[in-house]
Every structure is written in C-alpha cells, then in structure tokens.
Amino acid sequence: MNTINRIRTYHATLAVLAIFAYLTGELGIIHAWLGYGVAAIILLRLLWALSGDRQVGLMRFYPSFQGLKMDNMLTHPVISKSLIACIALSLILATSTGLIMDKGKAIGLANVDVVTSAYADDERGERETDTEEGLLAETHSLFANLMLIFVGLHVTYLLLFKLPLAKFMLFVPKPTNSTQNNDIEK
C-alpha cells in the first residue's frame, strides 16, 4: 500500500473511531475503549510522522499564509490546514482528558495509584472530593464538542470548495469515461 492510501486509511480509521467515541459518550466501557483506540491511532500517527516521510510530517498541519490573496482566499490551503489543526488539537485534548479521567480502569490498570482529584476535610472532618474531577469532565466534554464543530466545518469546507479531494479521501472511485458518457446521455 502506498503512502497516500495509508494516509486515507488512517484518516478513515481515526474519523470512525472518534465519531463513535463521541456518540457513545454515555456508554461507559464502550466509550472508554473507543477512546483508547483513538489514543492508539494518534500515537501511531505521531510515530509515523517521525519516519521522515515528507507526506506524513507534522508540518503538513501547520497553516502557512504564503500565497494567500483575495482571489484565492476560499480555496487556499490555510483554511483546510487551520481546520485540521483545530480538529487535531481538540481531539488530542479530549482524548487526554478522557484517559486521565479513566485512570486506566478500562484497560485493567485500576490498581495503579493516580491522583487526579484533590481532597479536603469538611466541617465534620470527613474527606470530600474537590471539584477538580467535575472540571476535568466538563473540559473533556468541551473539547469533544469543539472537535465535532471543527469536523463539521472541515467536512462542509471540503464539500463546498474541495469536492474532488473529499471524494478521494472517502475512497469514492473516480467515474470512468463510459460512466460520464452515460450520465451525459441521460
């Protein structure tokens, strides 16, 4: 499999896992396992970027304003790269906060001591958890929702301005000449 097809496969795998993880947010262990799957795909992608292959380097995510003019503003790569960078950042932050909240329970590491919430004594001398874990859950939800918004903007942008690229990344085959001729005759 050539590099571009591996990129397409990675893209599809990450997209499906991330969307299913979002949709299963209330399904406990299923959501957690999908989150670990997303984390594994992200980690593999980062390792792949270190391979030295120019097509998979992380600089491809960095928006460059070079060549941006009024006449090419809507089709310039800076928009697409900015949306991809926003998706990546929000997905990484949602995944990271999810992993911190799970504390390894979903993959059998529950016995590992990880302190994620602070404790304070109330007036009766009993321990109560601080709002740190609630804040972490809210942060997780915020980044997951932001990721979904950026994905929606990314898909809309590609469908409006980069339809051939969108079709290519979604494995839609190019129409053959005979198919195009049949469509014209109808």
C-alpha atoms as a PDB file:
ATOM      1  CA  MET A   1       0.000   0.000   0.000  1.00  0.00           C
ATOM      2  CA  ASN A   2       1.456   3.356  -0.979  1.00  0.00           C
ATOM      3  CA  THR A   3       1.767   6.293   1.412  1.00  0.00           C
ATOM      4  CA  ILE A   4      -1.305   8.178   0.217  1.00  0.00           C
ATOM      5  CA  ASN A   5      -3.519   5.116   0.647  1.00  0.00           C
ATOM      6  CA  ARG A   6      -2.107   4.601   4.143  1.00  0.00           C
ATOM      7  CA  ILE A   7      -2.970   8.240   4.900  1.00  0.00           C
ATOM      8  CA  ARG A   8      -6.509   7.698   3.622  1.00  0.00           C
ATOM      9  CA  THR A   9      -6.861   4.533   5.712  1.00  0.00           C
ATOM     10  CA  TYR A  10      -5.502   6.292   8.809  1.00  0.00           C
ATOM     11  CA  HIS A  11      -7.894   9.204   8.207  1.00  0.00           C
ATOM     12  CA  ALA A  12     -10.917   6.924   7.849  1.00  0.00           C
ATOM     13  CA  THR A  13      -9.963   4.845  10.901  1.00  0.00           C
ATOM     14  CA  LEU A  14      -9.421   7.887  13.094  1.00  0.00           C
ATOM     15  CA  ALA A  15     -12.618   9.561  11.880  1.00  0.00           C
ATOM     16  CA  VAL A  16     -14.755   6.478  12.528  1.00  0.00           C
ATOM     17  CA  LEU A  17     -13.236   5.836  15.966  1.00  0.00           C
ATOM     18  CA  ALA A  18     -13.539   9.486  17.030  1.00  0.00           C
ATOM     19  CA  ILE A  19     -17.160   9.799  15.891  1.00  0.00           C
ATOM     20  CA  PHE A  20     -18.133   6.503  17.561  1.00  0.00           C
ATOM     21  CA  ALA A  21     -16.331   7.581  20.734  1.00  0.00           C
ATOM     22  CA  TYR A  22     -18.328  10.813  20.684  1.00  0.00           C
ATOM     23  CA  LEU A  23     -21.635   9.033  20.054  1.00  0.00           C
ATOM     24  CA  THR A  24     -21.029   6.513  22.856  1.00  0.00           C
ATOM     25  CA  GLY A  25     -20.251   9.167  25.465  1.00  0.00           C
ATOM     26  CA  GLU A  26     -22.826   7.745  27.888  1.00  0.00           C
ATOM     27  CA  LEU A  27     -21.918   4.072  27.346  1.00  0.00           C
ATOM     28  CA  GLY A  28     -19.100   3.777  29.887  1.00  0.00           C
ATOM     29  CA  ILE A  29     -16.714   0.975  28.960  1.00  0.00           C
ATOM     30  CA  ILE A  30     -17.504   1.115  25.223  1.00  0.00           C
ATOM     31  CA  HIS A  31     -16.755   4.846  25.199  1.00  0.00           C
ATOM     32  CA  ALA A  32     -13.547   4.271  27.164  1.00  0.00           C
ATOM     33  CA  TRP A  33     -12.307   1.522  24.831  1.00  0.00           C
ATOM     34  CA  LEU A  34     -13.038   3.671  21.775  1.00  0.00           C
ATOM     35  CA  GLY A  35     -11.138   6.499  23.488  1.00  0.00           C
ATOM     36  CA  TYR A  36      -8.141   4.229  23.974  1.00  0.00           C
ATOM     37  CA  GLY A  37      -8.433   3.276  20.301  1.00  0.00           C
ATOM     38  CA  VAL A  38      -8.331   6.957  19.336  1.00  0.00           C
ATOM     39  CA  ALA A  39      -5.304   7.442  21.595  1.00  0.00           C
ATOM     40  CA  ALA A  40      -3.536   4.494  19.950  1.00  0.00           C
ATOM     41  CA  ILE A  41      -4.230   5.848  16.451  1.00  0.00           C
ATOM     42  CA  ILE A  42      -2.945   9.303  17.468  1.00  0.00           C
ATOM     43  CA  LEU A  43       0.200   7.763  18.968  1.00  0.00           C
ATOM     44  CA  LEU A  44       0.794   5.686  15.831  1.00  0.00           C
ATOM     45  CA  ARG A  45       0.357   8.809  13.709  1.00  0.00           C
ATOM     46  CA  LEU A  46       2.917  10.699  15.782  1.00  0.00           C
ATOM     47  CA  LEU A  47       5.372   7.828  15.452  1.00  0.00           C
ATOM     48  CA  TRP A  48       4.663   7.664  11.719  1.00  0.00           C
ATOM     49  CA  ALA A  49       5.489  11.376  11.449  1.00  0.00           C
ATOM     50  CA  LEU A  50       8.950  10.602  12.837  1.00  0.00           C
ATOM     51  CA  SER A  51       9.605   8.195   9.945  1.00  0.00           C
ATOM     52  CA  GLY A  52      10.953  11.056   7.847  1.00  0.00           C
ATOM     53  CA  ASP A  53       8.431  10.618   5.027  1.00  0.00           C
ATOM     54  CA  ARG A  54       7.610  14.170   3.877  1.00  0.00           C
ATOM     55  CA  GLN A  55       3.971  13.329   3.145  1.00  0.00           C
ATOM     56  CA  VAL A  56       3.247  12.412   6.762  1.00  0.00           C
ATOM     57  CA  GLY A  57       5.301  15.042   8.580  1.00  0.00           C
ATOM     58  CA  LEU A  58       3.636  17.193  11.191  1.00  0.00           C
ATOM     59  CA  MET A  59       4.469  20.375   9.266  1.00  0.00           C
ATOM     60  CA  ARG A  60       1.576  19.465   6.964  1.00  0.00           C
ATOM     61  CA  PHE A  61      -0.718  20.567   9.805  1.00  0.00           C
ATOM     62  CA  TYR A  62       0.930  23.968  10.167  1.00  0.00           C
ATOM     63  CA  PRO A  63      -1.062  26.657   8.325  1.00  0.00           C
ATOM     64  CA  SER A  64       1.017  28.852   6.022  1.00  0.00           C
ATOM     65  CA  PHE A  65      -0.323  32.153   4.755  1.00  0.00           C
ATOM     66  CA  GLN A  66       2.164  32.321   1.901  1.00  0.00           C
ATOM     67  CA  GLY A  67       0.382  32.982  -1.386  1.00  0.00           C
ATOM     68  CA  LEU A  68      -2.910  33.956   0.249  1.00  0.00           C
ATOM     69  CA  LYS A  69      -4.696  36.606  -1.832  1.00  0.00           C
ATOM     70  CA  MET A  70      -8.234  37.910  -2.177  1.00  0.00           C
ATOM     71  CA  ASP A  71      -8.871  35.853  -5.313  1.00  0.00           C
ATOM     72  CA  ASN A  72      -7.830  32.530  -3.727  1.00  0.00           C
ATOM     73  CA  MET A  73      -8.982  33.152  -0.157  1.00  0.00           C
ATOM     74  CA  LEU A  74     -11.647  30.421  -0.093  1.00  0.00           C
ATOM     75  CA  THR A  75      -9.539  27.730  -1.725  1.00  0.00           C
ATOM     76  CA  HIS A  76      -6.144  28.482  -0.162  1.00  0.00           C
ATOM     77  CA  PRO A  77      -4.725  25.604   1.938  1.00  0.00           C
ATOM     78  CA  VAL A  78      -4.556  27.803   5.046  1.00  0.00           C
ATOM     79  CA  ILE A  79      -8.276  27.231   5.709  1.00  0.00           C
ATOM     80  CA  SER A  80      -8.080  23.468   5.410  1.00  0.00           C
ATOM     81  CA  LYS A  81      -4.863  23.247   7.429  1.00  0.00           C
ATOM     82  CA  SER A  82      -6.280  25.509  10.142  1.00  0.00           C
ATOM     83  CA  LEU A  83      -9.378  23.346  10.452  1.00  0.00           C
ATOM     84  CA  ILE A  84      -7.264  20.187  10.578  1.00  0.00           C
ATOM     85  CA  ALA A  85      -5.025  21.739  13.256  1.00  0.00           C
ATOM     86  CA  CYS A  86      -8.116  22.676  15.304  1.00  0.00           C
ATOM     87  CA  ILE A  87      -9.530  19.165  14.921  1.00  0.00           C
ATOM     88  CA  ALA A  88      -6.212  17.615  15.948  1.00  0.00           C
ATOM     89  CA  LEU A  89      -5.795  19.874  18.976  1.00  0.00           C
ATOM     90  CA  SER A  90      -9.354  19.417  20.240  1.00  0.00           C
ATOM     91  CA  LEU A  91      -9.209  15.646  19.623  1.00  0.00           C
ATOM     92  CA  ILE A  92      -5.886  15.294  21.435  1.00  0.00           C
ATOM     93  CA  LEU A  93      -7.168  17.335  24.387  1.00  0.00           C
ATOM     94  CA  ALA A  94     -10.467  15.422  24.545  1.00  0.00           C
ATOM     95  CA  THR A  95      -8.605  12.118  24.381  1.00  0.00           C
ATOM     96  CA  SER A  96      -6.048  13.178  27.004  1.00  0.00           C
ATOM     97  CA  THR A  97      -8.678  14.330  29.472  1.00  0.00           C
ATOM     98  CA  GLY A  98     -10.632  11.125  28.885  1.00  0.00           C
ATOM     99  CA  LEU A  99      -7.564   8.998  29.592  1.00  0.00           C
ATOM    100  CA  ILE A 100      -6.866  10.962  32.768  1.00  0.00           C
ATOM    101  CA  MET A 101     -10.462  10.506  33.954  1.00  0.00           C
ATOM    102  CA  ASP A 102     -10.454   6.752  33.213  1.00  0.00           C
ATOM    103  CA  LYS A 103      -7.254   6.219  35.228  1.00  0.00           C
ATOM    104  CA  GLY A 104      -6.584   3.021  33.305  1.00  0.00           C
ATOM    105  CA  LYS A 105      -9.708   1.234  34.563  1.00  0.00           C
ATOM    106  CA  ALA A 106     -10.925   0.268  31.094  1.00  0.00           C
ATOM    107  CA  ILE A 107      -7.665  -1.494  30.265  1.00  0.00           C
ATOM    108  CA  GLY A 108      -7.136  -3.162  33.637  1.00  0.00           C
ATOM    109  CA  LEU A 109      -4.767  -0.681  35.239  1.00  0.00           C
ATOM    110  CA  ALA A 110      -7.182   0.314  38.008  1.00  0.00           C
ATOM    111  CA  ASN A 111      -4.709  -0.675  40.745  1.00  0.00           C
ATOM    112  CA  VAL A 112      -2.253   1.972  39.601  1.00  0.00           C
ATOM    113  CA  ASP A 113      -2.243   4.908  42.003  1.00  0.00           C
ATOM    114  CA  VAL A 114      -3.013   8.026  40.007  1.00  0.00           C
ATOM    115  CA  VAL A 115      -4.136  11.090  41.891  1.00  0.00           C
ATOM    116  CA  THR A 116      -6.495  13.199  39.812  1.00  0.00           C
ATOM    117  CA  SER A 117      -8.688  14.809  42.411  1.00  0.00           C
ATOM    118  CA  ALA A 118      -7.817  16.809  45.473  1.00  0.00           C
ATOM    119  CA  TYR A 119      -9.238  16.026  48.872  1.00  0.00           C
ATOM    120  CA  ALA A 120     -10.315  18.421  51.581  1.00  0.00           C
ATOM    121  CA  ASP A 121     -11.782  17.886  55.011  1.00  0.00           C
ATOM    122  CA  ASP A 122     -15.238  19.322  55.530  1.00  0.00           C
ATOM    123  CA  GLU A 123     -16.513  20.736  58.834  1.00  0.00           C
ATOM    124  CA  ARG A 124     -17.187  17.237  60.212  1.00  0.00           C
ATOM    125  CA  GLY A 125     -13.647  16.090  59.436  1.00  0.00           C
ATOM    126  CA  GLU A 126     -14.771  13.806  56.589  1.00  0.00           C
ATOM    127  CA  ARG A 127     -12.987  13.746  53.271  1.00  0.00           C
ATOM    128  CA  GLU A 128     -14.783  15.048  50.232  1.00  0.00           C
ATOM    129  CA  THR A 129     -13.547  15.243  46.676  1.00  0.00           C
ATOM    130  CA  ASP A 130     -12.834  18.621  45.211  1.00  0.00           C
ATOM    131  CA  THR A 131     -14.491  19.836  42.011  1.00  0.00           C
ATOM    132  CA  GLU A 132     -11.340  19.024  40.016  1.00  0.00           C
ATOM    133  CA  GLU A 133     -12.790  15.797  38.584  1.00  0.00           C
ATOM    134  CA  GLY A 134     -16.019  17.577  37.605  1.00  0.00           C
ATOM    135  CA  LEU A 135     -13.964  20.282  35.952  1.00  0.00           C
ATOM    136  CA  LEU A 136     -11.988  17.630  34.079  1.00  0.00           C
ATOM    137  CA  ALA A 137     -15.222  16.033  32.833  1.00  0.00           C
ATOM    138  CA  GLU A 138     -16.501  19.426  31.684  1.00  0.00           C
ATOM    139  CA  THR A 139     -13.195  20.113  29.920  1.00  0.00           C
ATOM    140  CA  HIS A 140     -13.390  16.705  28.247  1.00  0.00           C
ATOM    141  CA  SER A 141     -16.919  17.450  27.012  1.00  0.00           C
ATOM    142  CA  LEU A 142     -15.908  20.917  25.838  1.00  0.00           C
ATOM    143  CA  PHE A 143     -13.050  19.615  23.693  1.00  0.00           C
ATOM    144  CA  ALA A 144     -15.163  16.747  22.342  1.00  0.00           C
ATOM    145  CA  ASN A 145     -17.883  19.221  21.320  1.00  0.00           C
ATOM    146  CA  LEU A 146     -15.312  21.567  19.787  1.00  0.00           C
ATOM    147  CA  MET A 147     -13.874  18.639  17.839  1.00  0.00           C
ATOM    148  CA  LEU A 148     -17.312  17.862  16.449  1.00  0.00           C
ATOM    149  CA  ILE A 149     -17.828  21.504  15.421  1.00  0.00           C
ATOM    150  CA  PHE A 150     -14.442  21.632  13.687  1.00  0.00           C
ATOM    151  CA  VAL A 151     -15.129  18.316  11.934  1.00  0.00           C
ATOM    152  CA  GLY A 152     -18.438  19.733  10.688  1.00  0.00           C
ATOM    153  CA  LEU A 153     -16.690  22.856   9.400  1.00  0.00           C
ATOM    154  CA  HIS A 154     -13.945  20.720   7.812  1.00  0.00           C
ATOM    155  CA  VAL A 155     -16.445  18.484   6.006  1.00  0.00           C
ATOM    156  CA  THR A 156     -18.541  21.461   4.875  1.00  0.00           C
ATOM    157  CA  TYR A 157     -15.485  23.291   3.592  1.00  0.00           C
ATOM    158  CA  LEU A 158     -14.269  20.260   1.653  1.00  0.00           C
ATOM    159  CA  LEU A 159     -17.686  19.609   0.134  1.00  0.00           C
ATOM    160  CA  LEU A 160     -18.075  23.241  -0.927  1.00  0.00           C
ATOM    161  CA  PHE A 161     -14.566  24.040  -2.126  1.00  0.00           C
ATOM    162  CA  LYS A 162     -12.542  20.823  -2.424  1.00  0.00           C
ATOM    163  CA  LEU A 163     -15.036  18.188  -3.552  1.00  0.00           C
ATOM    164  CA  PRO A 164     -12.543  16.072  -5.555  1.00  0.00           C
ATOM    165  CA  LEU A 165     -10.252  15.871  -2.512  1.00  0.00           C
ATOM    166  CA  ALA A 166     -13.185  14.988  -0.249  1.00  0.00           C
ATOM    167  CA  LYS A 167     -14.246  12.190  -2.581  1.00  0.00           C
ATOM    168  CA  PHE A 168     -10.678  10.919  -2.823  1.00  0.00           C
ATOM    169  CA  MET A 169     -10.207  10.831   0.959  1.00  0.00           C
ATOM    170  CA  LEU A 170     -13.525   8.996   1.343  1.00  0.00           C
ATOM    171  CA  PHE A 171     -12.473   6.313  -1.167  1.00  0.00           C
ATOM    172  CA  VAL A 172     -15.101   7.373  -3.717  1.00  0.00           C
ATOM    173  CA  PRO A 173     -13.871   5.986  -7.038  1.00  0.00           C
ATOM    174  CA  LYS A 174     -13.390   8.353  -9.929  1.00  0.00           C
ATOM    175  CA  PRO A 175     -16.052   7.907 -12.579  1.00  0.00           C
ATOM    176  CA  THR A 176     -14.815   6.212 -15.704  1.00  0.00           C
ATOM    177  CA  ASN A 177     -15.271   7.810 -19.104  1.00  0.00           C
ATOM    178  CA  SER A 178     -18.065   5.386 -20.009  1.00  0.00           C
ATOM    179  CA  THR A 179     -19.944   6.305 -16.813  1.00  0.00           C
ATOM    180  CA  GLN A 180     -19.562  10.004 -17.583  1.00  0.00           C
ATOM    181  CA  ASN A 181     -20.819   9.466 -21.139  1.00  0.00           C
ATOM    182  CA  ASN A 182     -23.851   7.515 -19.861  1.00  0.00           C
ATOM    183  CA  ASP A 183     -24.665  10.327 -17.436  1.00  0.00           C
ATOM    184  CA  ILE A 184     -24.473  12.898 -20.224  1.00  0.00           C
ATOM    185  CA  GLU A 185     -26.806  10.860 -22.470  1.00  0.00           C
ATOM    186  CA  LYS A 186     -29.461  10.657 -19.737  1.00  0.00           C
END
